[in-house]
Amino acid sequence: MRKGGNDVDIEGRIKRIEQALDHLLDGLVKQREQIGSGVAVDVAGHTLTAKARGRR
């Protein structure tokens, strides 16, 4: 985060902190979506393997 200097008021600092937190939380949400997609693919793969073994 950039320093605003001594002449920046508290409202400006709070706004920059809020924006940084918004970006951080957006990144975490996207990361969780990717993890969820990976888990779904893994579960589907195991399910298909189990069904294939059952047909033998």
PDB file of N, CA and C in Angstrom:
ATOM      1  N   MET A   1       0.838  -1.163   0.000  1.00  0.00           N
ATOM      2  CA  MET A   1       0.000   0.000   0.000  1.00  0.00           C
ATOM      3  C   MET A   1       0.892   1.238   0.000  1.00  0.00           C
ATOM      4  N   ARG A   2       0.504   2.200  -0.736  1.00  0.00           N
ATOM      5  CA  ARG A   2       1.284   3.432  -0.826  1.00  0.00           C
ATOM      6  C   ARG A   2       1.099   4.282   0.415  1.00  0.00           C
ATOM      7  N   LYS A   3       2.174   4.909   0.811  1.00  0.00           N
ATOM      8  CA  LYS A   3       2.061   5.879   1.903  1.00  0.00           C
ATOM      9  C   LYS A   3       1.472   7.151   1.339  1.00  0.00           C
ATOM     10  N   GLY A   4       0.578   7.721   2.046  1.00  0.00           N
ATOM     11  CA  GLY A   4      -0.046   8.941   1.576  1.00  0.00           C
ATOM     12  C   GLY A   4       0.665  10.191   2.053  1.00  0.00           C
ATOM     13  N   GLY A   5       1.596  10.032   2.946  1.00  0.00           N
ATOM     14  CA  GLY A   5       2.267  11.198   3.490  1.00  0.00           C
ATOM     15  C   GLY A   5       1.504  11.738   4.684  1.00  0.00           C
ATOM     16  N   ASN A   6       2.079  12.723   5.301  1.00  0.00           N
ATOM     17  CA  ASN A   6       1.452  13.302   6.495  1.00  0.00           C
ATOM     18  C   ASN A   6       0.251  14.171   6.169  1.00  0.00           C
ATOM     19  N   ASP A   7       0.151  14.609   4.908  1.00  0.00           N
ATOM     20  CA  ASP A   7      -0.931  15.523   4.551  1.00  0.00           C
ATOM     21  C   ASP A   7      -2.233  14.802   4.197  1.00  0.00           C
ATOM     22  N   VAL A   8      -2.225  13.466   4.197  1.00  0.00           N
ATOM     23  CA  VAL A   8      -3.434  12.711   3.868  1.00  0.00           C
ATOM     24  C   VAL A   8      -4.281  12.570   5.130  1.00  0.00           C
ATOM     25  N   ASP A   9      -5.547  12.850   4.995  1.00  0.00           N
ATOM     26  CA  ASP A   9      -6.428  12.762   6.151  1.00  0.00           C
ATOM     27  C   ASP A   9      -6.785  11.312   6.446  1.00  0.00           C
ATOM     28  N   ILE A  10      -7.371  11.110   7.594  1.00  0.00           N
ATOM     29  CA  ILE A  10      -7.709   9.761   8.052  1.00  0.00           C
ATOM     30  C   ILE A  10      -8.733   9.105   7.134  1.00  0.00           C
ATOM     31  N   GLU A  11      -9.644   9.886   6.575  1.00  0.00           N
ATOM     32  CA  GLU A  11     -10.657   9.330   5.675  1.00  0.00           C
ATOM     33  C   GLU A  11     -10.004   8.739   4.424  1.00  0.00           C
ATOM     34  N   GLY A  12      -8.995   9.422   3.904  1.00  0.00           N
ATOM     35  CA  GLY A  12      -8.280   8.913   2.735  1.00  0.00           C
ATOM     36  C   GLY A  12      -7.558   7.616   3.036  1.00  0.00           C
ATOM     37  N   ARG A  13      -6.959   7.542   4.213  1.00  0.00           N
ATOM     38  CA  ARG A  13      -6.260   6.317   4.616  1.00  0.00           C
ATOM     39  C   ARG A  13      -7.244   5.165   4.783  1.00  0.00           C
ATOM     40  N   ILE A  14      -8.376   5.445   5.403  1.00  0.00           N
ATOM     41  CA  ILE A  14      -9.385   4.402   5.609  1.00  0.00           C
ATOM     42  C   ILE A  14      -9.903   3.903   4.263  1.00  0.00           C
ATOM     43  N   LYS A  15     -10.132   4.817   3.336  1.00  0.00           N
ATOM     44  CA  LYS A  15     -10.622   4.428   2.010  1.00  0.00           C
ATOM     45  C   LYS A  15      -9.615   3.509   1.314  1.00  0.00           C
ATOM     46  N   ARG A  16      -8.313   3.832   1.405  1.00  0.00           N
ATOM     47  CA  ARG A  16      -7.295   2.994   0.776  1.00  0.00           C
ATOM     48  C   ARG A  16      -7.216   1.625   1.438  1.00  0.00           C
ATOM     49  N   ILE A  17      -7.361   1.587   2.754  1.00  0.00           N
ATOM     50  CA  ILE A  17      -7.351   0.312   3.471  1.00  0.00           C
ATOM     51  C   ILE A  17      -8.554  -0.528   3.058  1.00  0.00           C
ATOM     52  N   GLU A  18      -9.721   0.086   2.953  1.00  0.00           N
ATOM     53  CA  GLU A  18     -10.927  -0.634   2.523  1.00  0.00           C
ATOM     54  C   GLU A  18     -10.749  -1.206   1.123  1.00  0.00           C
ATOM     55  N   GLN A  19     -10.167  -0.418   0.226  1.00  0.00           N
ATOM     56  CA  GLN A  19      -9.944  -0.899  -1.141  1.00  0.00           C
ATOM     57  C   GLN A  19      -8.974  -2.075  -1.155  1.00  0.00           C
ATOM     58  N   ALA A  20      -7.921  -1.999  -0.347  1.00  0.00           N
ATOM     59  CA  ALA A  20      -6.961  -3.100  -0.275  1.00  0.00           C
ATOM     60  C   ALA A  20      -7.628  -4.360   0.259  1.00  0.00           C
ATOM     61  N   LEU A  21      -8.462  -4.213   1.281  1.00  0.00           N
ATOM     62  CA  LEU A  21      -9.170  -5.369   1.835  1.00  0.00           C
ATOM     63  C   LEU A  21     -10.157  -5.952   0.827  1.00  0.00           C
ATOM     64  N   ASP A  22     -10.822  -5.094   0.056  1.00  0.00           N
ATOM     65  CA  ASP A  22     -11.730  -5.578  -0.988  1.00  0.00           C
ATOM     66  C   ASP A  22     -10.979  -6.432  -2.003  1.00  0.00           C
ATOM     67  N   HIS A  23      -9.805  -5.960  -2.433  1.00  0.00           N
ATOM     68  CA  HIS A  23      -9.010  -6.726  -3.396  1.00  0.00           C
ATOM     69  C   HIS A  23      -8.552  -8.050  -2.787  1.00  0.00           C
ATOM     70  N   LEU A  24      -8.152  -8.019  -1.538  1.00  0.00           N
ATOM     71  CA  LEU A  24      -7.710  -9.229  -0.855  1.00  0.00           C
ATOM     72  C   LEU A  24      -8.841 -10.244  -0.760  1.00  0.00           C
ATOM     73  N   LEU A  25     -10.018  -9.795  -0.356  1.00  0.00           N
ATOM     74  CA  LEU A  25     -11.151 -10.705  -0.219  1.00  0.00           C
ATOM     75  C   LEU A  25     -11.607 -11.243  -1.572  1.00  0.00           C
ATOM     76  N   ASP A  26     -11.571 -10.420  -2.615  1.00  0.00           N
ATOM     77  CA  ASP A  26     -11.896 -10.904  -3.959  1.00  0.00           C
ATOM     78  C   ASP A  26     -10.947 -12.023  -4.365  1.00  0.00           C
ATOM     79  N   GLY A  27      -9.672 -11.849  -4.074  1.00  0.00           N
ATOM     80  CA  GLY A  27      -8.689 -12.880  -4.388  1.00  0.00           C
ATOM     81  C   GLY A  27      -8.951 -14.165  -3.629  1.00  0.00           C
ATOM     82  N   LEU A  28      -9.317 -14.047  -2.359  1.00  0.00           N
ATOM     83  CA  LEU A  28      -9.609 -15.238  -1.560  1.00  0.00           C
ATOM     84  C   LEU A  28     -10.842 -15.971  -2.074  1.00  0.00           C
ATOM     85  N   VAL A  29     -11.863 -15.224  -2.483  1.00  0.00           N
ATOM     86  CA  VAL A  29     -13.073 -15.846  -3.039  1.00  0.00           C
ATOM     87  C   VAL A  29     -12.726 -16.603  -4.313  1.00  0.00           C
ATOM     88  N   LYS A  30     -11.940 -15.994  -5.194  1.00  0.00           N
ATOM     89  CA  LYS A  30     -11.550 -16.661  -6.437  1.00  0.00           C
ATOM     90  C   LYS A  30     -10.717 -17.902  -6.152  1.00  0.00           C
ATOM     91  N   GLN A  31      -9.850 -17.828  -5.143  1.00  0.00           N
ATOM     92  CA  GLN A  31      -9.038 -18.981  -4.774  1.00  0.00           C
ATOM     93  C   GLN A  31      -9.929 -20.122  -4.278  1.00  0.00           C
ATOM     94  N   ARG A  32     -10.918 -19.811  -3.471  1.00  0.00           N
ATOM     95  CA  ARG A  32     -11.833 -20.848  -2.976  1.00  0.00           C
ATOM     96  C   ARG A  32     -12.632 -21.473  -4.114  1.00  0.00           C
ATOM     97  N   GLU A  33     -13.030 -20.658  -5.099  1.00  0.00           N
ATOM     98  CA  GLU A  33     -13.746 -21.193  -6.257  1.00  0.00           C
ATOM     99  C   GLU A  33     -12.865 -22.171  -7.021  1.00  0.00           C
ATOM    100  N   GLN A  34     -11.584 -21.845  -7.177  1.00  0.00           N
ATOM    101  CA  GLN A  34     -10.664 -22.732  -7.881  1.00  0.00           C
ATOM    102  C   GLN A  34     -10.470 -24.028  -7.112  1.00  0.00           C
ATOM    103  N   ILE A  35     -10.345 -23.928  -5.795  1.00  0.00           N
ATOM    104  CA  ILE A  35     -10.191 -25.130  -4.975  1.00  0.00           C
ATOM    105  C   ILE A  35     -11.442 -25.991  -5.090  1.00  0.00           C
ATOM    106  N   GLY A  36     -12.613 -25.360  -5.043  1.00  0.00           N
ATOM    107  CA  GLY A  36     -13.868 -26.106  -5.170  1.00  0.00           C
ATOM    108  C   GLY A  36     -13.976 -26.805  -6.507  1.00  0.00           C
ATOM    109  N   SER A  37     -13.540 -26.148  -7.571  1.00  0.00           N
ATOM    110  CA  SER A  37     -13.570 -26.772  -8.895  1.00  0.00           C
ATOM    111  C   SER A  37     -12.630 -27.966  -8.944  1.00  0.00           C
ATOM    112  N   GLY A  38     -11.469 -27.822  -8.333  1.00  0.00           N
ATOM    113  CA  GLY A  38     -10.509 -28.929  -8.303  1.00  0.00           C
ATOM    114  C   GLY A  38     -11.051 -30.119  -7.537  1.00  0.00           C
ATOM    115  N   VAL A  39     -11.716 -29.857  -6.426  1.00  0.00           N
ATOM    116  CA  VAL A  39     -12.308 -30.937  -5.633  1.00  0.00           C
ATOM    117  C   VAL A  39     -13.417 -31.617  -6.427  1.00  0.00           C
ATOM    118  N   ALA A  40     -14.226 -30.852  -7.133  1.00  0.00           N
ATOM    119  CA  ALA A  40     -15.308 -31.428  -7.932  1.00  0.00           C
ATOM    120  C   ALA A  40     -14.754 -32.344  -9.015  1.00  0.00           C
ATOM    121  N   VAL A  41     -13.686 -31.926  -9.670  1.00  0.00           N
ATOM    122  CA  VAL A  41     -13.067 -32.762 -10.707  1.00  0.00           C
ATOM    123  C   VAL A  41     -12.510 -34.032 -10.084  1.00  0.00           C
ATOM    124  N   ASP A  42     -11.887 -33.916  -8.922  1.00  0.00           N
ATOM    125  CA  ASP A  42     -11.319 -35.078  -8.239  1.00  0.00           C
ATOM    126  C   ASP A  42     -12.413 -36.067  -7.842  1.00  0.00           C
ATOM    127  N   VAL A  43     -13.508 -35.568  -7.293  1.00  0.00           N
ATOM    128  CA  VAL A  43     -14.623 -36.438  -6.890  1.00  0.00           C
ATOM    129  C   VAL A  43     -15.231 -37.117  -8.112  1.00  0.00           C
ATOM    130  N   ALA A  44     -15.405 -36.369  -9.190  1.00  0.00           N
ATOM    131  CA  ALA A  44     -15.965 -36.957 -10.410  1.00  0.00           C
ATOM    132  C   ALA A  44     -15.055 -38.059 -10.939  1.00  0.00           C
ATOM    133  N   GLY A  45     -13.756 -37.825 -10.899  1.00  0.00           N
ATOM    134  CA  GLY A  45     -12.811 -38.845 -11.359  1.00  0.00           C
ATOM    135  C   GLY A  45     -12.887 -40.107 -10.523  1.00  0.00           C
ATOM    136  N   HIS A  46     -12.946 -39.953  -9.210  1.00  0.00           N
ATOM    137  CA  HIS A  46     -13.050 -41.121  -8.329  1.00  0.00           C
ATOM    138  C   HIS A  46     -14.379 -41.845  -8.528  1.00  0.00           C
ATOM    139  N   THR A  47     -15.441 -41.101  -8.750  1.00  0.00           N
ATOM    140  CA  THR A  47     -16.751 -41.713  -8.983  1.00  0.00           C
ATOM    141  C   THR A  47     -16.741 -42.524 -10.269  1.00  0.00           C
ATOM    142  N   LEU A  48     -16.185 -41.965 -11.322  1.00  0.00           N
ATOM    143  CA  LEU A  48     -16.107 -42.693 -12.594  1.00  0.00           C
ATOM    144  C   LEU A  48     -15.240 -43.938 -12.466  1.00  0.00           C
ATOM    145  N   THR A  49     -14.147 -43.832 -11.733  1.00  0.00           N
ATOM    146  CA  THR A  49     -13.273 -44.994 -11.521  1.00  0.00           C
ATOM    147  C   THR A  49     -14.006 -46.080 -10.745  1.00  0.00           C
ATOM    148  N   ALA A  50     -14.747 -45.686  -9.718  1.00  0.00           N
ATOM    149  CA  ALA A  50     -15.493 -46.663  -8.926  1.00  0.00           C
ATOM    150  C   ALA A  50     -16.568 -47.343  -9.768  1.00  0.00           C
ATOM    151  N   LYS A  51     -17.239 -46.591 -10.625  1.00  0.00           N
ATOM    152  CA  LYS A  51     -18.254 -47.186 -11.498  1.00  0.00           C
ATOM    153  C   LYS A  51     -17.617 -48.130 -12.504  1.00  0.00           C
ATOM    154  N   ALA A  52     -16.460 -47.756 -13.024  1.00  0.00           N
ATOM    155  CA  ALA A  52     -15.771 -48.610 -13.996  1.00  0.00           C
ATOM    156  C   ALA A  52     -15.327 -49.911 -13.344  1.00  0.00           C
ATOM    157  N   ARG A  53     -14.877 -49.858 -12.114  1.00  0.00           N
ATOM    158  CA  ARG A  53     -14.473 -51.078 -11.399  1.00  0.00           C
ATOM    159  C   ARG A  53     -15.677 -51.971 -11.124  1.00  0.00           C
ATOM    160  N   GLY A  54     -16.819 -51.358 -10.878  1.00  0.00           N
ATOM    161  CA  GLY A  54     -18.029 -52.122 -10.594  1.00  0.00           C
ATOM    162  C   GLY A  54     -18.551 -52.860 -11.812  1.00  0.00           C
ATOM    163  N   ARG A  55     -18.232 -52.389 -12.994  1.00  0.00           N
ATOM    164  CA  ARG A  55     -18.717 -53.017 -14.226  1.00  0.00           C
ATOM    165  C   ARG A  55     -17.839 -54.175 -14.675  1.00  0.00           C
ATOM    166  N   ARG A  56     -16.676 -54.324 -14.092  1.00  0.00           N
ATOM    167  CA  ARG A  56     -15.762 -55.404 -14.514  1.00  0.00           C
ATOM    168  C   ARG A  56     -16.220 -56.746 -14.073  1.00  0.00           C
TER     169      ARG A  56
END
